[in-house]
Amino acid sequence: MITIYSDAHALHDGKAELHDGKLVSSFEMPRRAELVLARVKEVGLGPVSPPKIFGLDPVRRVHAPDYVAFLETAWDEWVAEHGEHDALPFTWIGPGMRRVVPDHIDGKLGYYSFDAGTPITAGTFRAIRSAADVALTGAELIVRGERAAFALTRPPGHHAHRACYGGYCFFNNAAVAAQALRDAGADRVAVLDIDYHHGNGTQDIFYSRGDVLFVSLHADPVQEYPYYLGFSDETGEGAGEGANANYPLPFGTGFHTWRAALDDALARIAAFRVDALVVSLGVDTYKGDPISRFRLDTADYPLIGAALAGAGLPTLFVMEGGYAVEAIGVNAVGVLQGFADVA
């Protein structure tokens, strides 16, 4: 299995996020991707390749042009106003407020974001462009006939909506890749999100479309971030009715219950008759993850990969969450090894 990787991800290196009412060191750090890459090489998963450069047009296929333009200039605007330290928003649009883009950078940050855990830094835009290129390169490999590929993206992407960021995510790498597969001729594509947190951004992007099935296994939004999307009654709208499926699961969920949800999700994907599968690969379902509350163990991840291979689809894995950094490489690559052993 080919892994696509760019060390440009390290240009995004946030110093702090707001967590439990305190400013703490960012859980989403460059070391996450570095440890996954080290494990890919250690087990001999396959070749590691750099991404091609695709530009921003494929990104604008799923993200609003004004949002992309904001991210491109946000750091310079922030520095001009506040100096060279991480940019975090402090105010957001509430019910009854007008949705008008402010002129001031502080207002723009609140307009285009939904949390205070996702800092913009000097290198953020270059890093997120590179992450999109990594995902697009993986999609191109699938189009060219590869059975599977691993886009080792960082920052992650599945929380990024069409026109807002949060949850450590700026460009939605999985959505960009899914759209690229459609543009390359796939009639239908499925995005299966197995991260602990709901892929609210991916759902938002495809919710009214019937050509991309979005399926997510995640912590119940009644209990867990991102709170406001991810309920089981969200099934799509308009042309997308029936093309969205959520499996919210309670705190403490172990592998037996989680695997039953996965099996049902894979049956939905099979019934949708897709040409390709994009997997939002988060391993923050791990029992040792510092910001998550599921109970999966390291031995479970190869079993997940084997189940995914059983779908028999061309599959692109796109890296998302996982914050138990000492275990992230073993767990993420465990999924890939389990897949490769069956495929």
C-alpha atoms as a PDB file:
ATOM      1  CA  MET A   1       0.000   0.000   0.000  1.00  0.00           C
ATOM      2  CA  ILE A   2       1.394   3.404  -1.003  1.00  0.00           C
ATOM      3  CA  THR A   3       1.548   6.096   1.678  1.00  0.00           C
ATOM      4  CA  ILE A   4       1.460   9.739   0.599  1.00  0.00           C
ATOM      5  CA  TYR A   5       3.173  12.094   3.022  1.00  0.00           C
ATOM      6  CA  SER A   6       4.507  15.644   3.118  1.00  0.00           C
ATOM      7  CA  ASP A   7       6.585  17.086   5.932  1.00  0.00           C
ATOM      8  CA  ALA A   8       4.923  20.455   5.206  1.00  0.00           C
ATOM      9  CA  HIS A   9       2.345  19.414   7.818  1.00  0.00           C
ATOM     10  CA  ALA A  10       4.854  20.465  10.498  1.00  0.00           C
ATOM     11  CA  LEU A  11       4.445  24.100   9.426  1.00  0.00           C
ATOM     12  CA  HIS A  12       1.178  24.018  11.369  1.00  0.00           C
ATOM     13  CA  ASP A  13       2.286  23.789  14.987  1.00  0.00           C
ATOM     14  CA  GLY A  14      -0.226  25.333  17.357  1.00  0.00           C
ATOM     15  CA  LYS A  15       1.017  26.225  20.810  1.00  0.00           C
ATOM     16  CA  ALA A  16      -2.252  26.206  22.755  1.00  0.00           C
ATOM     17  CA  GLU A  17      -5.954  25.436  22.614  1.00  0.00           C
ATOM     18  CA  LEU A  18      -8.848  26.067  24.971  1.00  0.00           C
ATOM     19  CA  HIS A  19      -9.704  22.787  26.720  1.00  0.00           C
ATOM     20  CA  ASP A  20     -11.751  22.280  29.884  1.00  0.00           C
ATOM     21  CA  GLY A  21     -11.693  26.024  30.487  1.00  0.00           C
ATOM     22  CA  LYS A  22      -7.900  26.263  30.320  1.00  0.00           C
ATOM     23  CA  LEU A  23      -5.329  27.117  27.677  1.00  0.00           C
ATOM     24  CA  VAL A  24      -3.337  23.905  27.282  1.00  0.00           C
ATOM     25  CA  SER A  25      -0.728  22.629  24.859  1.00  0.00           C
ATOM     26  CA  SER A  26      -2.314  21.558  21.586  1.00  0.00           C
ATOM     27  CA  PHE A  27      -3.248  17.874  21.413  1.00  0.00           C
ATOM     28  CA  GLU A  28      -3.007  18.057  17.605  1.00  0.00           C
ATOM     29  CA  MET A  29       0.757  18.234  17.052  1.00  0.00           C
ATOM     30  CA  PRO A  30       3.295  17.439  14.311  1.00  0.00           C
ATOM     31  CA  ARG A  31       4.557  14.416  16.231  1.00  0.00           C
ATOM     32  CA  ARG A  32       1.281  12.604  15.485  1.00  0.00           C
ATOM     33  CA  ALA A  33       2.025  12.305  11.775  1.00  0.00           C
ATOM     34  CA  GLU A  34       5.708  11.656  12.358  1.00  0.00           C
ATOM     35  CA  LEU A  35       4.946   8.640  14.553  1.00  0.00           C
ATOM     36  CA  VAL A  36       2.489   7.214  12.029  1.00  0.00           C
ATOM     37  CA  LEU A  37       5.080   7.599   9.271  1.00  0.00           C
ATOM     38  CA  ALA A  38       7.721   5.930  11.419  1.00  0.00           C
ATOM     39  CA  ARG A  39       5.403   2.955  11.941  1.00  0.00           C
ATOM     40  CA  VAL A  40       4.619   2.730   8.218  1.00  0.00           C
ATOM     41  CA  LYS A  41       8.346   2.397   7.561  1.00  0.00           C
ATOM     42  CA  GLU A  42       8.991   0.072  10.486  1.00  0.00           C
ATOM     43  CA  VAL A  43       6.489  -2.559   9.326  1.00  0.00           C
ATOM     44  CA  GLY A  44       7.304  -2.161   5.616  1.00  0.00           C
ATOM     45  CA  LEU A  45       3.750  -1.256   4.663  1.00  0.00           C
ATOM     46  CA  GLY A  46       4.888  -0.064   1.242  1.00  0.00           C
ATOM     47  CA  PRO A  47       6.479   2.885  -0.538  1.00  0.00           C
ATOM     48  CA  VAL A  48       6.164   6.428   0.776  1.00  0.00           C
ATOM     49  CA  SER A  49       5.646   9.105  -1.858  1.00  0.00           C
ATOM     50  CA  PRO A  50       5.354  12.903  -1.802  1.00  0.00           C
ATOM     51  CA  PRO A  51       2.163  14.554  -3.035  1.00  0.00           C
ATOM     52  CA  LYS A  52       1.594  16.155  -6.381  1.00  0.00           C
ATOM     53  CA  ILE A  53       0.603  19.827  -6.419  1.00  0.00           C
ATOM     54  CA  PHE A  54      -3.015  20.357  -7.465  1.00  0.00           C
ATOM     55  CA  GLY A  55      -3.667  23.997  -6.558  1.00  0.00           C
ATOM     56  CA  LEU A  56      -6.795  25.271  -4.862  1.00  0.00           C
ATOM     57  CA  ASP A  57      -9.419  24.574  -7.524  1.00  0.00           C
ATOM     58  CA  PRO A  58     -10.140  21.042  -6.205  1.00  0.00           C
ATOM     59  CA  VAL A  59     -10.461  22.499  -2.694  1.00  0.00           C
ATOM     60  CA  ARG A  60     -13.003  25.036  -3.931  1.00  0.00           C
ATOM     61  CA  ARG A  61     -15.089  22.154  -5.258  1.00  0.00           C
ATOM     62  CA  VAL A  62     -16.161  21.487  -1.651  1.00  0.00           C
ATOM     63  CA  HIS A  63     -15.291  24.718   0.189  1.00  0.00           C
ATOM     64  CA  ALA A  64     -16.741  28.189  -0.357  1.00  0.00           C
ATOM     65  CA  PRO A  65     -14.333  30.508  -2.218  1.00  0.00           C
ATOM     66  CA  ASP A  66     -14.638  33.251   0.416  1.00  0.00           C
ATOM     67  CA  TYR A  67     -13.728  30.758   3.142  1.00  0.00           C
ATOM     68  CA  VAL A  68     -10.649  29.582   1.232  1.00  0.00           C
ATOM     69  CA  ALA A  69      -9.637  33.223   0.670  1.00  0.00           C
ATOM     70  CA  PHE A  70     -10.049  33.954   4.399  1.00  0.00           C
ATOM     71  CA  LEU A  71      -7.735  31.110   5.374  1.00  0.00           C
ATOM     72  CA  GLU A  72      -5.150  32.319   2.877  1.00  0.00           C
ATOM     73  CA  THR A  73      -4.923  35.794   4.448  1.00  0.00           C
ATOM     74  CA  ALA A  74      -5.957  35.191   8.076  1.00  0.00           C
ATOM     75  CA  TRP A  75      -2.464  34.912   9.520  1.00  0.00           C
ATOM     76  CA  ASP A  76      -1.220  38.136   7.919  1.00  0.00           C
ATOM     77  CA  GLU A  77      -4.322  40.001   9.102  1.00  0.00           C
ATOM     78  CA  TRP A  78      -3.863  38.615  12.611  1.00  0.00           C
ATOM     79  CA  VAL A  79      -0.190  39.585  12.785  1.00  0.00           C
ATOM     80  CA  ALA A  80      -0.955  43.107  11.599  1.00  0.00           C
ATOM     81  CA  GLU A  81      -3.467  43.503  14.425  1.00  0.00           C
ATOM     82  CA  HIS A  82      -2.061  41.401  17.271  1.00  0.00           C
ATOM     83  CA  GLY A  83       1.502  40.266  16.558  1.00  0.00           C
ATOM     84  CA  GLU A  84       3.088  36.895  15.870  1.00  0.00           C
ATOM     85  CA  HIS A  85       1.300  34.527  18.214  1.00  0.00           C
ATOM     86  CA  ASP A  86      -1.371  31.928  17.457  1.00  0.00           C
ATOM     87  CA  ALA A  87      -4.733  33.259  16.292  1.00  0.00           C
ATOM     88  CA  LEU A  88      -7.740  32.035  18.288  1.00  0.00           C
ATOM     89  CA  PRO A  89     -11.303  33.400  18.081  1.00  0.00           C
ATOM     90  CA  PHE A  90     -13.163  34.615  21.138  1.00  0.00           C
ATOM     91  CA  THR A  91     -16.638  35.473  19.853  1.00  0.00           C
ATOM     92  CA  TRP A  92     -19.125  33.642  17.631  1.00  0.00           C
ATOM     93  CA  ILE A  93     -22.480  34.175  15.955  1.00  0.00           C
ATOM     94  CA  GLY A  94     -25.412  33.310  18.211  1.00  0.00           C
ATOM     95  CA  PRO A  95     -29.159  32.991  17.592  1.00  0.00           C
ATOM     96  CA  GLY A  96     -30.671  36.222  16.360  1.00  0.00           C
ATOM     97  CA  MET A  97     -27.366  37.680  15.175  1.00  0.00           C
ATOM     98  CA  ARG A  98     -26.816  38.688  11.556  1.00  0.00           C
ATOM     99  CA  ARG A  99     -24.485  36.583   9.454  1.00  0.00           C
ATOM    100  CA  VAL A 100     -22.381  39.382   7.962  1.00  0.00           C
ATOM    101  CA  VAL A 101     -18.632  39.026   7.416  1.00  0.00           C
ATOM    102  CA  PRO A 102     -16.865  41.599   9.642  1.00  0.00           C
ATOM    103  CA  ASP A 103     -13.926  43.659   8.433  1.00  0.00           C
ATOM    104  CA  HIS A 104     -11.860  43.020  11.571  1.00  0.00           C
ATOM    105  CA  ILE A 105      -9.818  39.825  11.908  1.00  0.00           C
ATOM    106  CA  ASP A 106     -11.295  38.981  15.321  1.00  0.00           C
ATOM    107  CA  GLY A 107     -14.770  39.077  13.836  1.00  0.00           C
ATOM    108  CA  LYS A 108     -13.680  37.043  10.835  1.00  0.00           C
ATOM    109  CA  LEU A 109     -12.208  34.339  13.068  1.00  0.00           C
ATOM    110  CA  GLY A 110     -15.539  33.966  14.849  1.00  0.00           C
ATOM    111  CA  TYR A 111     -17.491  34.076  11.595  1.00  0.00           C
ATOM    112  CA  TYR A 112     -15.487  31.293   9.973  1.00  0.00           C
ATOM    113  CA  SER A 113     -14.905  29.021  13.008  1.00  0.00           C
ATOM    114  CA  PHE A 114     -16.921  27.150  15.606  1.00  0.00           C
ATOM    115  CA  ASP A 115     -14.457  26.551  18.471  1.00  0.00           C
ATOM    116  CA  ALA A 116     -11.432  27.930  20.304  1.00  0.00           C
ATOM    117  CA  GLY A 117      -9.403  24.766  19.963  1.00  0.00           C
ATOM    118  CA  THR A 118      -8.087  25.304  16.455  1.00  0.00           C
ATOM    119  CA  PRO A 119      -5.290  27.893  16.299  1.00  0.00           C
ATOM    120  CA  ILE A 120      -4.147  29.475  13.063  1.00  0.00           C
ATOM    121  CA  THR A 121      -0.354  29.789  12.932  1.00  0.00           C
ATOM    122  CA  ALA A 122       2.244  31.213  10.583  1.00  0.00           C
ATOM    123  CA  GLY A 123       2.427  27.981   8.585  1.00  0.00           C
ATOM    124  CA  THR A 124      -1.194  26.842   8.746  1.00  0.00           C
ATOM    125  CA  PHE A 125      -2.198  27.716   5.207  1.00  0.00           C
ATOM    126  CA  ARG A 126       0.825  26.042   3.640  1.00  0.00           C
ATOM    127  CA  ALA A 127       0.211  22.954   5.770  1.00  0.00           C
ATOM    128  CA  ILE A 128      -3.465  22.640   4.884  1.00  0.00           C
ATOM    129  CA  ARG A 129      -2.764  23.124   1.182  1.00  0.00           C
ATOM    130  CA  SER A 130      -0.241  20.321   1.411  1.00  0.00           C
ATOM    131  CA  ALA A 131      -2.702  18.076   3.291  1.00  0.00           C
ATOM    132  CA  ALA A 132      -5.255  18.574   0.525  1.00  0.00           C
ATOM    133  CA  ASP A 133      -2.590  17.673  -2.038  1.00  0.00           C
ATOM    134  CA  VAL A 134      -1.783  14.515  -0.071  1.00  0.00           C
ATOM    135  CA  ALA A 135      -5.451  13.480  -0.165  1.00  0.00           C
ATOM    136  CA  LEU A 136      -5.795  14.356  -3.844  1.00  0.00           C
ATOM    137  CA  THR A 137      -2.692  12.355  -4.707  1.00  0.00           C
ATOM    138  CA  GLY A 138      -4.209   9.384  -2.907  1.00  0.00           C
ATOM    139  CA  ALA A 139      -7.444   9.790  -4.850  1.00  0.00           C
ATOM    140  CA  GLU A 140      -5.497   9.885  -8.103  1.00  0.00           C
ATOM    141  CA  LEU A 141      -3.813   6.597  -7.211  1.00  0.00           C
ATOM    142  CA  ILE A 142      -7.226   5.015  -6.672  1.00  0.00           C
ATOM    143  CA  VAL A 143      -8.417   6.359 -10.036  1.00  0.00           C
ATOM    144  CA  ARG A 144      -5.357   4.814 -11.669  1.00  0.00           C
ATOM    145  CA  GLY A 145      -6.243   1.396 -10.328  1.00  0.00           C
ATOM    146  CA  GLU A 146      -4.589   1.022  -6.920  1.00  0.00           C
ATOM    147  CA  ARG A 147      -6.626  -1.207  -4.607  1.00  0.00           C
ATOM    148  CA  ALA A 148      -5.828   1.056  -1.635  1.00  0.00           C
ATOM    149  CA  ALA A 149      -3.726   4.045  -0.641  1.00  0.00           C
ATOM    150  CA  PHE A 150      -3.011   5.884   2.605  1.00  0.00           C
ATOM    151  CA  ALA A 151      -3.113   9.694   2.638  1.00  0.00           C
ATOM    152  CA  LEU A 152      -1.206  10.603   5.800  1.00  0.00           C
ATOM    153  CA  THR A 153      -2.874  13.986   6.127  1.00  0.00           C
ATOM    154  CA  ARG A 154      -2.251  16.510   8.832  1.00  0.00           C
ATOM    155  CA  PRO A 155      -3.953  18.691  10.010  1.00  0.00           C
ATOM    156  CA  PRO A 156      -7.009  16.433   9.960  1.00  0.00           C
ATOM    157  CA  GLY A 157     -10.080  17.542   8.039  1.00  0.00           C
ATOM    158  CA  HIS A 158     -13.415  15.926   8.865  1.00  0.00           C
ATOM    159  CA  HIS A 159     -14.712  18.709  11.127  1.00  0.00           C
ATOM    160  CA  ALA A 160     -14.239  21.380   8.439  1.00  0.00           C
ATOM    161  CA  HIS A 161     -17.564  22.460   6.924  1.00  0.00           C
ATOM    162  CA  ARG A 162     -18.051  24.051   3.564  1.00  0.00           C
ATOM    163  CA  ALA A 163     -17.376  27.473   5.054  1.00  0.00           C
ATOM    164  CA  CYS A 164     -16.038  27.103   8.606  1.00  0.00           C
ATOM    165  CA  TYR A 165     -13.252  25.424  10.541  1.00  0.00           C
ATOM    166  CA  GLY A 166     -12.862  23.811  13.956  1.00  0.00           C
ATOM    167  CA  GLY A 167     -11.882  20.577  15.663  1.00  0.00           C
ATOM    168  CA  TYR A 168      -8.281  21.020  14.440  1.00  0.00           C
ATOM    169  CA  CYS A 169      -9.592  20.961  10.839  1.00  0.00           C
ATOM    170  CA  PHE A 170      -9.408  23.609   8.086  1.00  0.00           C
ATOM    171  CA  PHE A 171      -9.745  21.888   4.690  1.00  0.00           C
ATOM    172  CA  ASN A 172     -11.828  18.730   4.645  1.00  0.00           C
ATOM    173  CA  ASN A 173      -9.310  16.353   3.110  1.00  0.00           C
ATOM    174  CA  ALA A 174     -11.663  13.378   2.888  1.00  0.00           C
ATOM    175  CA  ALA A 175     -14.364  15.459   1.211  1.00  0.00           C
ATOM    176  CA  VAL A 176     -11.849  16.946  -1.230  1.00  0.00           C
ATOM    177  CA  ALA A 177     -10.732  13.416  -2.117  1.00  0.00           C
ATOM    178  CA  ALA A 178     -14.295  12.109  -2.468  1.00  0.00           C
ATOM    179  CA  GLN A 179     -15.175  14.968  -4.799  1.00  0.00           C
ATOM    180  CA  ALA A 180     -12.033  14.302  -6.838  1.00  0.00           C
ATOM    181  CA  LEU A 181     -13.088  10.673  -7.243  1.00  0.00           C
ATOM    182  CA  ARG A 182     -16.497  11.825  -8.476  1.00  0.00           C
ATOM    183  CA  ASP A 183     -14.911  14.299 -10.871  1.00  0.00           C
ATOM    184  CA  ALA A 184     -12.696  11.512 -12.216  1.00  0.00           C
ATOM    185  CA  GLY A 185     -15.710   9.401 -13.149  1.00  0.00           C
ATOM    186  CA  ALA A 186     -16.915   7.501 -10.076  1.00  0.00           C
ATOM    187  CA  ASP A 187     -20.726   7.487 -10.169  1.00  0.00           C
ATOM    188  CA  ARG A 188     -21.058   7.061  -6.422  1.00  0.00           C
ATOM    189  CA  VAL A 189     -18.580   7.350  -3.562  1.00  0.00           C
ATOM    190  CA  ALA A 190     -18.911   6.511   0.129  1.00  0.00           C
ATOM    191  CA  VAL A 191     -17.115   8.284   2.961  1.00  0.00           C
ATOM    192  CA  LEU A 192     -16.925   6.109   6.072  1.00  0.00           C
ATOM    193  CA  ASP A 193     -15.827   8.052   9.151  1.00  0.00           C
ATOM    194  CA  ILE A 194     -14.505   5.864  11.977  1.00  0.00           C
ATOM    195  CA  ASP A 195     -13.023   8.668  14.076  1.00  0.00           C
ATOM    196  CA  TYR A 196     -14.277   8.945  17.672  1.00  0.00           C
ATOM    197  CA  HIS A 197     -15.809  12.347  16.894  1.00  0.00           C
ATOM    198  CA  HIS A 198     -18.568  12.886  14.354  1.00  0.00           C
ATOM    199  CA  GLY A 199     -17.445  14.111  10.940  1.00  0.00           C
ATOM    200  CA  ASN A 200     -19.787  17.095  11.067  1.00  0.00           C
ATOM    201  CA  GLY A 201     -17.987  18.908   8.285  1.00  0.00           C
ATOM    202  CA  THR A 202     -18.166  16.010   5.854  1.00  0.00           C
ATOM    203  CA  GLN A 203     -21.848  15.588   6.632  1.00  0.00           C
ATOM    204  CA  ASP A 204     -22.476  19.274   5.988  1.00  0.00           C
ATOM    205  CA  ILE A 205     -20.681  19.234   2.643  1.00  0.00           C
ATOM    206  CA  PHE A 206     -22.582  16.248   1.211  1.00  0.00           C
ATOM    207  CA  TYR A 207     -25.888  16.400   3.108  1.00  0.00           C
ATOM    208  CA  SER A 208     -27.989  17.485   0.117  1.00  0.00           C
ATOM    209  CA  ARG A 209     -26.303  15.208  -2.401  1.00  0.00           C
ATOM    210  CA  GLY A 210     -27.249  11.722  -3.471  1.00  0.00           C
ATOM    211  CA  ASP A 211     -23.958  10.811  -5.140  1.00  0.00           C
ATOM    212  CA  VAL A 212     -21.829  10.655  -1.984  1.00  0.00           C
ATOM    213  CA  LEU A 213     -22.904   8.468   0.927  1.00  0.00           C
ATOM    214  CA  PHE A 214     -21.644   9.654   4.313  1.00  0.00           C
ATOM    215  CA  VAL A 215     -21.596   7.140   7.173  1.00  0.00           C
ATOM    216  CA  SER A 216     -20.154   7.917  10.610  1.00  0.00           C
ATOM    217  CA  LEU A 217     -19.521   5.898  13.777  1.00  0.00           C
ATOM    218  CA  HIS A 218     -18.886   8.257  16.678  1.00  0.00           C
ATOM    219  CA  ALA A 219     -19.563   9.329  20.235  1.00  0.00           C
ATOM    220  CA  ASP A 220     -23.142  10.447  20.829  1.00  0.00           C
ATOM    221  CA  PRO A 221     -23.380  14.225  20.287  1.00  0.00           C
ATOM    222  CA  VAL A 222     -25.646  14.450  23.327  1.00  0.00           C
ATOM    223  CA  GLN A 223     -22.475  13.718  25.311  1.00  0.00           C
ATOM    224  CA  GLU A 224     -19.545  14.650  23.106  1.00  0.00           C
ATOM    225  CA  TYR A 225     -18.000  17.202  20.747  1.00  0.00           C
ATOM    226  CA  PRO A 226     -19.047  18.508  18.241  1.00  0.00           C
ATOM    227  CA  TYR A 227     -22.450  18.265  19.996  1.00  0.00           C
ATOM    228  CA  TYR A 228     -24.669  19.829  17.348  1.00  0.00           C
ATOM    229  CA  LEU A 229     -24.538  17.250  14.538  1.00  0.00           C
ATOM    230  CA  GLY A 230     -24.296  13.485  14.376  1.00  0.00           C
ATOM    231  CA  PHE A 231     -27.734  12.313  15.505  1.00  0.00           C
ATOM    232  CA  SER A 232     -29.300   9.169  14.067  1.00  0.00           C
ATOM    233  CA  ASP A 233     -32.266  11.038  12.569  1.00  0.00           C
ATOM    234  CA  GLU A 234     -29.973  13.039  10.245  1.00  0.00           C
ATOM    235  CA  THR A 235     -30.450  11.081   7.031  1.00  0.00           C
ATOM    236  CA  GLY A 236     -29.874  13.717   4.346  1.00  0.00           C
ATOM    237  CA  GLU A 237     -32.157  16.184   2.629  1.00  0.00           C
ATOM    238  CA  GLY A 238     -33.445  16.786  -0.893  1.00  0.00           C
ATOM    239  CA  ALA A 239     -31.440  14.732  -3.356  1.00  0.00           C
ATOM    240  CA  GLY A 240     -29.361  13.521  -0.423  1.00  0.00           C
ATOM    241  CA  GLU A 241     -32.229  11.933   1.515  1.00  0.00           C
ATOM    242  CA  GLY A 242     -31.052   8.486   2.577  1.00  0.00           C
ATOM    243  CA  ALA A 243     -27.406   9.229   1.767  1.00  0.00           C
ATOM    244  CA  ASN A 244     -26.395  10.089   5.338  1.00  0.00           C
ATOM    245  CA  ALA A 245     -26.200   7.590   8.201  1.00  0.00           C
ATOM    246  CA  ASN A 246     -25.003   8.262  11.745  1.00  0.00           C
ATOM    247  CA  TYR A 247     -24.224   5.706  14.443  1.00  0.00           C
ATOM    248  CA  PRO A 248     -23.970   7.649  17.732  1.00  0.00           C
ATOM    249  CA  LEU A 249     -22.522   5.472  20.507  1.00  0.00           C
ATOM    250  CA  PRO A 250     -22.305   6.098  24.263  1.00  0.00           C
ATOM    251  CA  PHE A 251     -19.252   6.750  26.417  1.00  0.00           C
ATOM    252  CA  GLY A 252     -17.482   3.511  27.281  1.00  0.00           C
ATOM    253  CA  THR A 253     -18.309   1.749  24.014  1.00  0.00           C
ATOM    254  CA  GLY A 254     -16.066  -1.270  23.513  1.00  0.00           C
ATOM    255  CA  PHE A 255     -15.130  -3.169  20.404  1.00  0.00           C
ATOM    256  CA  HIS A 256     -18.032  -5.640  20.382  1.00  0.00           C
ATOM    257  CA  THR A 257     -20.649  -2.871  20.211  1.00  0.00           C
ATOM    258  CA  TRP A 258     -18.533  -0.702  17.922  1.00  0.00           C
ATOM    259  CA  ARG A 259     -17.930  -3.603  15.516  1.00  0.00           C
ATOM    260  CA  ALA A 260     -21.678  -4.305  15.275  1.00  0.00           C
ATOM    261  CA  ALA A 261     -22.180  -0.707  14.177  1.00  0.00           C
ATOM    262  CA  LEU A 262     -19.351  -1.058  11.637  1.00  0.00           C
ATOM    263  CA  ASP A 263     -20.920  -4.169  10.164  1.00  0.00           C
ATOM    264  CA  ASP A 264     -24.223  -2.366   9.731  1.00  0.00           C
ATOM    265  CA  ALA A 265     -22.443   0.628   8.189  1.00  0.00           C
ATOM    266  CA  LEU A 266     -20.660  -1.614   5.686  1.00  0.00           C
ATOM    267  CA  ALA A 267     -23.974  -3.208   4.749  1.00  0.00           C
ATOM    268  CA  ARG A 268     -25.358   0.269   4.014  1.00  0.00           C
ATOM    269  CA  ILE A 269     -22.346   1.024   1.845  1.00  0.00           C
ATOM    270  CA  ALA A 270     -22.793  -2.235  -0.069  1.00  0.00           C
ATOM    271  CA  ALA A 271     -26.471  -1.430  -0.673  1.00  0.00           C
ATOM    272  CA  PHE A 272     -25.519   2.030  -1.993  1.00  0.00           C
ATOM    273  CA  ARG A 273     -23.428   0.371  -4.718  1.00  0.00           C
ATOM    274  CA  VAL A 274     -20.485   2.747  -4.673  1.00  0.00           C
ATOM    275  CA  ASP A 275     -17.452   2.720  -6.957  1.00  0.00           C
ATOM    276  CA  ALA A 276     -14.934   3.787  -4.292  1.00  0.00           C
ATOM    277  CA  LEU A 277     -14.608   4.161  -0.546  1.00  0.00           C
ATOM    278  CA  VAL A 278     -12.914   6.955   1.401  1.00  0.00           C
ATOM    279  CA  VAL A 279     -12.194   6.093   5.035  1.00  0.00           C
ATOM    280  CA  SER A 280     -11.747   8.948   7.492  1.00  0.00           C
ATOM    281  CA  LEU A 281      -9.260   7.077   9.654  1.00  0.00           C
ATOM    282  CA  GLY A 282      -9.322   8.298  13.233  1.00  0.00           C
ATOM    283  CA  VAL A 283      -7.873   6.116  15.981  1.00  0.00           C
ATOM    284  CA  ASP A 284      -9.007   8.248  18.900  1.00  0.00           C
ATOM    285  CA  THR A 285     -11.419   5.397  19.631  1.00  0.00           C
ATOM    286  CA  TYR A 286      -8.449   3.906  21.513  1.00  0.00           C
ATOM    287  CA  LYS A 287      -8.958   3.355  25.242  1.00  0.00           C
ATOM    288  CA  GLY A 288      -5.890   5.433  26.111  1.00  0.00           C
ATOM    289  CA  ASP A 289      -6.817   8.515  24.097  1.00  0.00           C
ATOM    290  CA  PRO A 290      -6.654  11.631  26.324  1.00  0.00           C
ATOM    291  CA  ILE A 291      -9.706  13.392  24.872  1.00  0.00           C
ATOM    292  CA  SER A 292     -11.967  10.444  24.026  1.00  0.00           C
ATOM    293  CA  ARG A 293     -14.070   7.885  25.878  1.00  0.00           C
ATOM    294  CA  PHE A 294     -14.335   4.694  23.857  1.00  0.00           C
ATOM    295  CA  ARG A 295     -12.574   1.486  24.882  1.00  0.00           C
ATOM    296  CA  LEU A 296     -11.056  -0.029  21.747  1.00  0.00           C
ATOM    297  CA  ASP A 297      -7.689  -1.740  22.188  1.00  0.00           C
ATOM    298  CA  THR A 298      -4.655  -2.053  19.934  1.00  0.00           C
ATOM    299  CA  ALA A 299      -5.547  -5.614  18.929  1.00  0.00           C
ATOM    300  CA  ASP A 300      -8.883  -4.380  17.550  1.00  0.00           C
ATOM    301  CA  TYR A 301      -7.470  -2.159  14.808  1.00  0.00           C
ATOM    302  CA  PRO A 302      -6.233  -4.884  12.421  1.00  0.00           C
ATOM    303  CA  LEU A 303      -9.700  -6.457  12.707  1.00  0.00           C
ATOM    304  CA  ILE A 304     -11.198  -3.146  11.579  1.00  0.00           C
ATOM    305  CA  GLY A 305      -8.889  -3.109   8.577  1.00  0.00           C
ATOM    306  CA  ALA A 306      -9.834  -6.653   7.665  1.00  0.00           C
ATOM    307  CA  ALA A 307     -13.535  -5.777   7.835  1.00  0.00           C
ATOM    308  CA  LEU A 308     -12.977  -2.777   5.575  1.00  0.00           C
ATOM    309  CA  ALA A 309     -11.093  -4.913   3.064  1.00  0.00           C
ATOM    310  CA  GLY A 310     -14.063  -7.266   3.030  1.00  0.00           C
ATOM    311  CA  ALA A 311     -16.115  -4.532   1.359  1.00  0.00           C
ATOM    312  CA  GLY A 312     -14.112  -5.257  -1.792  1.00  0.00           C
ATOM    313  CA  LEU A 313     -13.859  -1.608  -2.832  1.00  0.00           C
ATOM    314  CA  PRO A 314     -11.012   0.609  -4.008  1.00  0.00           C
ATOM    315  CA  THR A 315     -10.233   2.357  -0.729  1.00  0.00           C
ATOM    316  CA  LEU A 316      -8.480   5.566   0.175  1.00  0.00           C
ATOM    317  CA  PHE A 317      -7.572   6.001   3.842  1.00  0.00           C
ATOM    318  CA  VAL A 318      -7.343   9.635   4.965  1.00  0.00           C
ATOM    319  CA  MET A 319      -5.798  10.298   8.390  1.00  0.00           C
ATOM    320  CA  GLU A 320      -7.966  12.097  10.938  1.00  0.00           C
ATOM    321  CA  GLY A 321      -7.728  12.024  14.751  1.00  0.00           C
ATOM    322  CA  GLY A 322      -5.832  10.095  17.406  1.00  0.00           C
ATOM    323  CA  TYR A 323      -4.157  11.853  20.323  1.00  0.00           C
ATOM    324  CA  ALA A 324      -2.599   9.053  22.361  1.00  0.00           C
ATOM    325  CA  VAL A 325       0.595   9.809  20.502  1.00  0.00           C
ATOM    326  CA  GLU A 326       2.654   6.887  21.772  1.00  0.00           C
ATOM    327  CA  ALA A 327       0.049   4.469  20.376  1.00  0.00           C
ATOM    328  CA  ILE A 328      -1.102   6.344  17.265  1.00  0.00           C
ATOM    329  CA  GLY A 329       1.365   4.759  14.867  1.00  0.00           C
ATOM    330  CA  VAL A 330       0.699   1.186  15.960  1.00  0.00           C
ATOM    331  CA  ASN A 331      -3.079   1.672  15.938  1.00  0.00           C
ATOM    332  CA  ALA A 332      -3.389   3.557  12.639  1.00  0.00           C
ATOM    333  CA  VAL A 333      -1.000   1.277  10.784  1.00  0.00           C
ATOM    334  CA  GLY A 334      -2.706  -1.708  12.412  1.00  0.00           C
ATOM    335  CA  VAL A 335      -5.838  -0.838  10.435  1.00  0.00           C
ATOM    336  CA  LEU A 336      -3.825  -0.625   7.234  1.00  0.00           C
ATOM    337  CA  GLN A 337      -2.024  -3.901   7.885  1.00  0.00           C
ATOM    338  CA  GLY A 338      -5.314  -5.632   8.620  1.00  0.00           C
ATOM    339  CA  PHE A 339      -6.667  -4.332   5.336  1.00  0.00           C
ATOM    340  CA  ALA A 340      -3.587  -5.329   3.348  1.00  0.00           C
ATOM    341  CA  ASP A 341      -3.601  -8.850   4.798  1.00  0.00           C
ATOM    342  CA  VAL A 342      -7.078  -9.453   3.353  1.00  0.00           C
ATOM    343  CA  ALA A 343      -7.096  -7.331   0.189  1.00  0.00           C
END
